[in-house]
Amino acid sequence: MSYKVKLNIFEGPLDLLLFLIRKEKIDIYDIPIVKITTQYTEYMDLMQMLDLDIAGEFIVMAATLMHIKSKLLLPPEETEE
């Protein structure tokens, strides 16, 4: 999961922003560090509030149900006699 940044001059993953700054396609002086830091701390607070273990268990259960249903929707395999 990549951390996304929302600024007036850029919106997207933080690693892409760093890449563009290194390649001098975005001026480092136009980047509001305080805004990025605030967004990051809000993101970290949200991650602490979420119980990712429960979310992971739910995703596994949903994927299992989808797999079972997809197998039921497929026509039965023909067996050689």
PDB file of N, CA and C in Angstrom:
ATOM      1  N   MET A   1       0.860  -1.154   0.000  1.00  0.00           N
ATOM      2  CA  MET A   1       0.000   0.000   0.000  1.00  0.00           C
ATOM      3  C   MET A   1       0.907   1.218   0.000  1.00  0.00           C
ATOM      4  N   SER A   2       0.715   2.047  -1.001  1.00  0.00           N
ATOM      5  CA  SER A   2       1.592   3.207  -1.048  1.00  0.00           C
ATOM      6  C   SER A   2       0.866   4.425  -0.495  1.00  0.00           C
ATOM      7  N   TYR A   3       1.631   5.289   0.131  1.00  0.00           N
ATOM      8  CA  TYR A   3       1.091   6.498   0.743  1.00  0.00           C
ATOM      9  C   TYR A   3       0.906   7.555  -0.330  1.00  0.00           C
ATOM     10  N   LYS A   4      -0.310   8.122  -0.430  1.00  0.00           N
ATOM     11  CA  LYS A   4      -0.619   9.122  -1.446  1.00  0.00           C
ATOM     12  C   LYS A   4      -0.581  10.520  -0.855  1.00  0.00           C
ATOM     13  N   VAL A   5      -0.110  11.462  -1.652  1.00  0.00           N
ATOM     14  CA  VAL A   5       0.025  12.864  -1.263  1.00  0.00           C
ATOM     15  C   VAL A   5      -0.929  13.689  -2.118  1.00  0.00           C
ATOM     16  N   LYS A   6      -1.580  14.681  -1.507  1.00  0.00           N
ATOM     17  CA  LYS A   6      -2.466  15.581  -2.249  1.00  0.00           C
ATOM     18  C   LYS A   6      -2.017  17.015  -2.031  1.00  0.00           C
ATOM     19  N   LEU A   7      -1.449  17.597  -3.081  1.00  0.00           N
ATOM     20  CA  LEU A   7      -0.980  18.980  -3.049  1.00  0.00           C
ATOM     21  C   LEU A   7      -1.578  19.733  -4.232  1.00  0.00           C
ATOM     22  N   ASN A   8      -1.434  21.040  -4.226  1.00  0.00           N
ATOM     23  CA  ASN A   8      -1.924  21.830  -5.360  1.00  0.00           C
ATOM     24  C   ASN A   8      -1.202  21.491  -6.652  1.00  0.00           C
ATOM     25  N   ILE A   9       0.083  21.185  -6.562  1.00  0.00           N
ATOM     26  CA  ILE A   9       0.872  20.935  -7.771  1.00  0.00           C
ATOM     27  C   ILE A   9       1.045  19.453  -8.081  1.00  0.00           C
ATOM     28  N   PHE A  10       0.592  18.572  -7.171  1.00  0.00           N
ATOM     29  CA  PHE A  10       0.805  17.137  -7.357  1.00  0.00           C
ATOM     30  C   PHE A  10      -0.209  16.357  -6.535  1.00  0.00           C
ATOM     31  N   GLU A  11      -0.671  15.243  -7.110  1.00  0.00           N
ATOM     32  CA  GLU A  11      -1.492  14.299  -6.362  1.00  0.00           C
ATOM     33  C   GLU A  11      -1.118  12.906  -6.810  1.00  0.00           C
ATOM     34  N   GLY A  12      -0.697  12.089  -5.870  1.00  0.00           N
ATOM     35  CA  GLY A  12      -0.300  10.725  -6.208  1.00  0.00           C
ATOM     36  C   GLY A  12       0.598  10.131  -5.139  1.00  0.00           C
ATOM     37  N   PRO A  13       1.232   9.005  -5.467  1.00  0.00           N
ATOM     38  CA  PRO A  13       2.095   8.320  -4.490  1.00  0.00           C
ATOM     39  C   PRO A  13       3.324   9.156  -4.129  1.00  0.00           C
ATOM     40  N   LEU A  14       3.719   9.057  -2.868  1.00  0.00           N
ATOM     41  CA  LEU A  14       4.872   9.810  -2.374  1.00  0.00           C
ATOM     42  C   LEU A  14       6.148   9.423  -3.119  1.00  0.00           C
ATOM     43  N   ASP A  15       6.306   8.132  -3.432  1.00  0.00           N
ATOM     44  CA  ASP A  15       7.531   7.732  -4.138  1.00  0.00           C
ATOM     45  C   ASP A  15       7.612   8.353  -5.534  1.00  0.00           C
ATOM     46  N   LEU A  16       6.473   8.567  -6.206  1.00  0.00           N
ATOM     47  CA  LEU A  16       6.485   9.242  -7.499  1.00  0.00           C
ATOM     48  C   LEU A  16       6.865  10.708  -7.328  1.00  0.00           C
ATOM     49  N   LEU A  17       6.359  11.351  -6.289  1.00  0.00           N
ATOM     50  CA  LEU A  17       6.725  12.744  -6.018  1.00  0.00           C
ATOM     51  C   LEU A  17       8.234  12.860  -5.806  1.00  0.00           C
ATOM     52  N   LEU A  18       8.807  11.964  -5.024  1.00  0.00           N
ATOM     53  CA  LEU A  18      10.251  11.995  -4.785  1.00  0.00           C
ATOM     54  C   LEU A  18      11.031  11.760  -6.078  1.00  0.00           C
ATOM     55  N   PHE A  19      10.549  10.842  -6.908  1.00  0.00           N
ATOM     56  CA  PHE A  19      11.194  10.593  -8.194  1.00  0.00           C
ATOM     57  C   PHE A  19      11.181  11.857  -9.065  1.00  0.00           C
ATOM     58  N   LEU A  20      10.025  12.520  -9.148  1.00  0.00           N
ATOM     59  CA  LEU A  20       9.911  13.727  -9.966  1.00  0.00           C
ATOM     60  C   LEU A  20      10.787  14.857  -9.431  1.00  0.00           C
ATOM     61  N   ILE A  21      10.906  14.959  -8.123  1.00  0.00           N
ATOM     62  CA  ILE A  21      11.785  15.978  -7.532  1.00  0.00           C
ATOM     63  C   ILE A  21      13.236  15.686  -7.896  1.00  0.00           C
ATOM     64  N   ARG A  22      13.636  14.413  -7.782  1.00  0.00           N
ATOM     65  CA  ARG A  22      15.019  14.045  -8.126  1.00  0.00           C
ATOM     66  C   ARG A  22      15.327  14.310  -9.586  1.00  0.00           C
ATOM     67  N   LYS A  23      14.358  14.093 -10.442  1.00  0.00           N
ATOM     68  CA  LYS A  23      14.557  14.335 -11.876  1.00  0.00           C
ATOM     69  C   LYS A  23      14.326  15.802 -12.234  1.00  0.00           C
ATOM     70  N   GLU A  24      14.085  16.619 -11.218  1.00  0.00           N
ATOM     71  CA  GLU A  24      13.887  18.068 -11.357  1.00  0.00           C
ATOM     72  C   GLU A  24      12.692  18.424 -12.237  1.00  0.00           C
ATOM     73  N   LYS A  25      11.672  17.566 -12.212  1.00  0.00           N
ATOM     74  CA  LYS A  25      10.443  17.880 -12.934  1.00  0.00           C
ATOM     75  C   LYS A  25       9.478  18.636 -12.029  1.00  0.00           C
ATOM     76  N   ILE A  26       9.731  18.591 -10.729  1.00  0.00           N
ATOM     77  CA  ILE A  26       8.978  19.387  -9.758  1.00  0.00           C
ATOM     78  C   ILE A  26      10.003  20.100  -8.887  1.00  0.00           C
ATOM     79  N   ASP A  27       9.783  21.376  -8.702  1.00  0.00           N
ATOM     80  CA  ASP A  27      10.710  22.194  -7.903  1.00  0.00           C
ATOM     81  C   ASP A  27      10.501  21.904  -6.418  1.00  0.00           C
ATOM     82  N   ILE A  28      11.555  21.518  -5.739  1.00  0.00           N
ATOM     83  CA  ILE A  28      11.487  21.188  -4.316  1.00  0.00           C
ATOM     84  C   ILE A  28      10.999  22.372  -3.487  1.00  0.00           C
ATOM     85  N   TYR A  29      11.243  23.577  -3.959  1.00  0.00           N
ATOM     86  CA  TYR A  29      10.809  24.768  -3.217  1.00  0.00           C
ATOM     87  C   TYR A  29       9.294  24.964  -3.276  1.00  0.00           C
ATOM     88  N   ASP A  30       8.618  24.274  -4.192  1.00  0.00           N
ATOM     89  CA  ASP A  30       7.164  24.369  -4.303  1.00  0.00           C
ATOM     90  C   ASP A  30       6.436  23.319  -3.456  1.00  0.00           C
ATOM     91  N   ILE A  31       7.190  22.480  -2.770  1.00  0.00           N
ATOM     92  CA  ILE A  31       6.592  21.395  -1.991  1.00  0.00           C
ATOM     93  C   ILE A  31       6.393  21.853  -0.544  1.00  0.00           C
ATOM     94  N   PRO A  32       5.131  21.916  -0.082  1.00  0.00           N
ATOM     95  CA  PRO A  32       4.860  22.311   1.307  1.00  0.00           C
ATOM     96  C   PRO A  32       5.059  21.116   2.256  1.00  0.00           C
ATOM     97  N   ILE A  33       6.213  21.066   2.884  1.00  0.00           N
ATOM     98  CA  ILE A  33       6.563  19.942   3.762  1.00  0.00           C
ATOM     99  C   ILE A  33       5.569  19.819   4.919  1.00  0.00           C
ATOM    100  N   VAL A  34       5.101  20.936   5.443  1.00  0.00           N
ATOM    101  CA  VAL A  34       4.148  20.901   6.563  1.00  0.00           C
ATOM    102  C   VAL A  34       2.864  20.182   6.141  1.00  0.00           C
ATOM    103  N   LYS A  35       2.388  20.459   4.939  1.00  0.00           N
ATOM    104  CA  LYS A  35       1.166  19.820   4.455  1.00  0.00           C
ATOM    105  C   LYS A  35       1.364  18.314   4.289  1.00  0.00           C
ATOM    106  N   ILE A  36       2.503  17.913   3.742  1.00  0.00           N
ATOM    107  CA  ILE A  36       2.794  16.478   3.581  1.00  0.00           C
ATOM    108  C   ILE A  36       2.884  15.802   4.944  1.00  0.00           C
ATOM    109  N   THR A  37       3.556  16.449   5.894  1.00  0.00           N
ATOM    110  CA  THR A  37       3.705  15.879   7.236  1.00  0.00           C
ATOM    111  C   THR A  37       2.352  15.745   7.924  1.00  0.00           C
ATOM    112  N   THR A  38       1.499  16.741   7.773  1.00  0.00           N
ATOM    113  CA  THR A  38       0.160  16.691   8.372  1.00  0.00           C
ATOM    114  C   THR A  38      -0.641  15.542   7.769  1.00  0.00           C
ATOM    115  N   GLN A  39      -0.604  15.409   6.445  1.00  0.00           N
ATOM    116  CA  GLN A  39      -1.317  14.314   5.792  1.00  0.00           C
ATOM    117  C   GLN A  39      -0.785  12.966   6.257  1.00  0.00           C
ATOM    118  N   TYR A  40       0.515  12.869   6.415  1.00  0.00           N
ATOM    119  CA  TYR A  40       1.123  11.612   6.836  1.00  0.00           C
ATOM    120  C   TYR A  40       0.704  11.243   8.257  1.00  0.00           C
ATOM    121  N   THR A  41       0.710  12.196   9.165  1.00  0.00           N
ATOM    122  CA  THR A  41       0.309  11.895  10.549  1.00  0.00           C
ATOM    123  C   THR A  41      -1.176  11.526  10.610  1.00  0.00           C
ATOM    124  N   GLU A  42      -2.015  12.162   9.786  1.00  0.00           N
ATOM    125  CA  GLU A  42      -3.432  11.769   9.725  1.00  0.00           C
ATOM    126  C   GLU A  42      -3.572  10.346   9.207  1.00  0.00           C
ATOM    127  N   TYR A  43      -2.770  10.003   8.207  1.00  0.00           N
ATOM    128  CA  TYR A  43      -2.776   8.654   7.647  1.00  0.00           C
ATOM    129  C   TYR A  43      -2.345   7.632   8.700  1.00  0.00           C
ATOM    130  N   MET A  44      -1.302   7.938   9.452  1.00  0.00           N
ATOM    131  CA  MET A  44      -0.831   7.026  10.502  1.00  0.00           C
ATOM    132  C   MET A  44      -1.870   6.864  11.603  1.00  0.00           C
ATOM    133  N   ASP A  45      -2.553   7.949  11.969  1.00  0.00           N
ATOM    134  CA  ASP A  45      -3.624   7.858  12.970  1.00  0.00           C
ATOM    135  C   ASP A  45      -4.742   6.940  12.485  1.00  0.00           C
ATOM    136  N   LEU A  46      -5.096   7.058  11.208  1.00  0.00           N
ATOM    137  CA  LEU A  46      -6.135   6.202  10.637  1.00  0.00           C
ATOM    138  C   LEU A  46      -5.705   4.743  10.663  1.00  0.00           C
ATOM    139  N   MET A  47      -4.443   4.469  10.329  1.00  0.00           N
ATOM    140  CA  MET A  47      -3.954   3.095  10.326  1.00  0.00           C
ATOM    141  C   MET A  47      -3.992   2.496  11.733  1.00  0.00           C
ATOM    142  N   GLN A  48      -3.752   3.311  12.759  1.00  0.00           N
ATOM    143  CA  GLN A  48      -3.809   2.812  14.127  1.00  0.00           C
ATOM    144  C   GLN A  48      -5.242   2.515  14.543  1.00  0.00           C
ATOM    145  N   MET A  49      -6.206   3.282  14.016  1.00  0.00           N
ATOM    146  CA  MET A  49      -7.607   3.057  14.363  1.00  0.00           C
ATOM    147  C   MET A  49      -8.150   1.788  13.720  1.00  0.00           C
ATOM    148  N   LEU A  50      -7.659   1.458  12.528  1.00  0.00           N
ATOM    149  CA  LEU A  50      -8.142   0.277  11.822  1.00  0.00           C
ATOM    150  C   LEU A  50      -7.521  -0.977  12.414  1.00  0.00           C
ATOM    151  N   ASP A  51      -8.320  -2.002  12.543  1.00  0.00           N
ATOM    152  CA  ASP A  51      -7.790  -3.298  12.971  1.00  0.00           C
ATOM    153  C   ASP A  51      -7.513  -4.099  11.707  1.00  0.00           C
ATOM    154  N   LEU A  52      -6.268  -4.069  11.253  1.00  0.00           N
ATOM    155  CA  LEU A  52      -5.915  -4.682   9.977  1.00  0.00           C
ATOM    156  C   LEU A  52      -5.996  -6.204  10.005  1.00  0.00           C
ATOM    157  N   ASP A  53      -5.888  -6.809  11.201  1.00  0.00           N
ATOM    158  CA  ASP A  53      -6.043  -8.260  11.289  1.00  0.00           C
ATOM    159  C   ASP A  53      -7.471  -8.669  10.932  1.00  0.00           C
ATOM    160  N   ILE A  54      -8.442  -7.947  11.466  1.00  0.00           N
ATOM    161  CA  ILE A  54      -9.840  -8.241  11.163  1.00  0.00           C
ATOM    162  C   ILE A  54     -10.122  -7.993   9.684  1.00  0.00           C
ATOM    163  N   ALA A  55      -9.597  -6.901   9.160  1.00  0.00           N
ATOM    164  CA  ALA A  55      -9.791  -6.598   7.741  1.00  0.00           C
ATOM    165  C   ALA A  55      -9.179  -7.693   6.875  1.00  0.00           C
ATOM    166  N   GLY A  56      -8.016  -8.180   7.254  1.00  0.00           N
ATOM    167  CA  GLY A  56      -7.362  -9.254   6.502  1.00  0.00           C
ATOM    168  C   GLY A  56      -8.173 -10.537   6.529  1.00  0.00           C
ATOM    169  N   GLU A  57      -8.720 -10.872   7.692  1.00  0.00           N
ATOM    170  CA  GLU A  57      -9.560 -12.064   7.803  1.00  0.00           C
ATOM    171  C   GLU A  57     -10.797 -11.936   6.921  1.00  0.00           C
ATOM    172  N   PHE A  58     -11.383 -10.752   6.885  1.00  0.00           N
ATOM    173  CA  PHE A  58     -12.561 -10.523   6.053  1.00  0.00           C
ATOM    174  C   PHE A  58     -12.217 -10.701   4.583  1.00  0.00           C
ATOM    175  N   ILE A  59     -11.076 -10.181   4.152  1.00  0.00           N
ATOM    176  CA  ILE A  59     -10.674 -10.295   2.748  1.00  0.00           C
ATOM    177  C   ILE A  59     -10.455 -11.756   2.374  1.00  0.00           C
ATOM    178  N   VAL A  60      -9.838 -12.534   3.251  1.00  0.00           N
ATOM    179  CA  VAL A  60      -9.629 -13.966   2.988  1.00  0.00           C
ATOM    180  C   VAL A  60     -10.972 -14.675   2.871  1.00  0.00           C
ATOM    181  N   MET A  61     -11.901 -14.374   3.779  1.00  0.00           N
ATOM    182  CA  MET A  61     -13.219 -15.006   3.752  1.00  0.00           C
ATOM    183  C   MET A  61     -13.967 -14.635   2.478  1.00  0.00           C
ATOM    184  N   ALA A  62     -13.940 -13.355   2.088  1.00  0.00           N
ATOM    185  CA  ALA A  62     -14.628 -12.916   0.877  1.00  0.00           C
ATOM    186  C   ALA A  62     -14.010 -13.565  -0.362  1.00  0.00           C
ATOM    187  N   ALA A  63     -12.691 -13.661  -0.400  1.00  0.00           N
ATOM    188  CA  ALA A  63     -12.020 -14.296  -1.547  1.00  0.00           C
ATOM    189  C   ALA A  63     -12.381 -15.779  -1.633  1.00  0.00           C
ATOM    190  N   THR A  64     -12.466 -16.448  -0.491  1.00  0.00           N
ATOM    191  CA  THR A  64     -12.840 -17.862  -0.471  1.00  0.00           C
ATOM    192  C   THR A  64     -14.256 -18.052  -1.000  1.00  0.00           C
ATOM    193  N   LEU A  65     -15.182 -17.195  -0.555  1.00  0.00           N
ATOM    194  CA  LEU A  65     -16.558 -17.283  -1.040  1.00  0.00           C
ATOM    195  C   LEU A  65     -16.634 -17.020  -2.552  1.00  0.00           C
ATOM    196  N   MET A  66     -15.863 -16.056  -3.031  1.00  0.00           N
ATOM    197  CA  MET A  66     -15.847 -15.760  -4.465  1.00  0.00           C
ATOM    198  C   MET A  66     -15.294 -16.952  -5.251  1.00  0.00           C
ATOM    199  N   HIS A  67     -14.276 -17.595  -4.717  1.00  0.00           N
ATOM    200  CA  HIS A  67     -13.693 -18.753  -5.377  1.00  0.00           C
ATOM    201  C   HIS A  67     -14.708 -19.893  -5.455  1.00  0.00           C
ATOM    202  N   ILE A  68     -15.405 -20.163  -4.347  1.00  0.00           N
ATOM    203  CA  ILE A  68     -16.416 -21.222  -4.327  1.00  0.00           C
ATOM    204  C   ILE A  68     -17.521 -20.918  -5.334  1.00  0.00           C
ATOM    205  N   LYS A  69     -18.008 -19.675  -5.335  1.00  0.00           N
ATOM    206  CA  LYS A  69     -19.088 -19.307  -6.243  1.00  0.00           C
ATOM    207  C   LYS A  69     -18.640 -19.400  -7.696  1.00  0.00           C
ATOM    208  N   SER A  70     -17.425 -18.963  -8.001  1.00  0.00           N
ATOM    209  CA  SER A  70     -16.949 -19.031  -9.389  1.00  0.00           C
ATOM    210  C   SER A  70     -16.849 -20.480  -9.867  1.00  0.00           C
ATOM    211  N   LYS A  71     -16.462 -21.388  -8.966  1.00  0.00           N
ATOM    212  CA  LYS A  71     -16.404 -22.803  -9.340  1.00  0.00           C
ATOM    213  C   LYS A  71     -17.799 -23.353  -9.602  1.00  0.00           C
ATOM    214  N   LEU A  72     -18.796 -22.887  -8.831  1.00  0.00           N
ATOM    215  CA  LEU A  72     -20.162 -23.355  -9.027  1.00  0.00           C
ATOM    216  C   LEU A  72     -20.767 -22.816 -10.325  1.00  0.00           C
ATOM    217  N   LEU A  73     -20.313 -21.657 -10.764  1.00  0.00           N
ATOM    218  CA  LEU A  73     -20.850 -21.056 -11.979  1.00  0.00           C
ATOM    219  C   LEU A  73     -20.275 -21.666 -13.256  1.00  0.00           C
ATOM    220  N   LEU A  74     -19.128 -22.304 -13.134  1.00  0.00           N
ATOM    221  CA  LEU A  74     -18.505 -22.931 -14.301  1.00  0.00           C
ATOM    222  C   LEU A  74     -19.231 -24.227 -14.650  1.00  0.00           C
ATOM    223  N   PRO A  75     -19.282 -24.577 -15.927  1.00  0.00           N
ATOM    224  CA  PRO A  75     -19.896 -25.862 -16.282  1.00  0.00           C
ATOM    225  C   PRO A  75     -19.057 -27.008 -15.716  1.00  0.00           C
ATOM    226  N   PRO A  76     -19.712 -28.128 -15.415  1.00  0.00           N
ATOM    227  CA  PRO A  76     -18.941 -29.254 -14.860  1.00  0.00           C
ATOM    228  C   PRO A  76     -17.918 -29.790 -15.861  1.00  0.00           C
ATOM    229  N   GLU A  77     -16.817 -30.260 -15.337  1.00  0.00           N
ATOM    230  CA  GLU A  77     -15.774 -30.823 -16.201  1.00  0.00           C
ATOM    231  C   GLU A  77     -16.245 -32.139 -16.783  1.00  0.00           C
ATOM    232  N   GLU A  78     -15.921 -32.345 -18.035  1.00  0.00           N
ATOM    233  CA  GLU A  78     -16.251 -33.614 -18.675  1.00  0.00           C
ATOM    234  C   GLU A  78     -15.197 -34.641 -18.307  1.00  0.00           C
ATOM    235  N   THR A  79     -15.649 -35.816 -17.907  1.00  0.00           N
ATOM    236  CA  THR A  79     -14.709 -36.871 -17.551  1.00  0.00           C
ATOM    237  C   THR A  79     -14.627 -37.874 -18.692  1.00  0.00           C
ATOM    238  N   GLU A  80     -13.462 -38.456 -18.875  1.00  0.00           N
ATOM    239  CA  GLU A  80     -13.284 -39.476 -19.912  1.00  0.00           C
ATOM    240  C   GLU A  80     -13.860 -40.789 -19.435  1.00  0.00           C
ATOM    241  N   GLU A  81     -14.609 -41.458 -20.299  1.00  0.00           N
ATOM    242  CA  GLU A  81     -15.212 -42.733 -19.913  1.00  0.00           C
ATOM    243  C   GLU A  81     -14.485 -43.885 -20.549  1.00  0.00           C
TER     244      GLU A  81
END
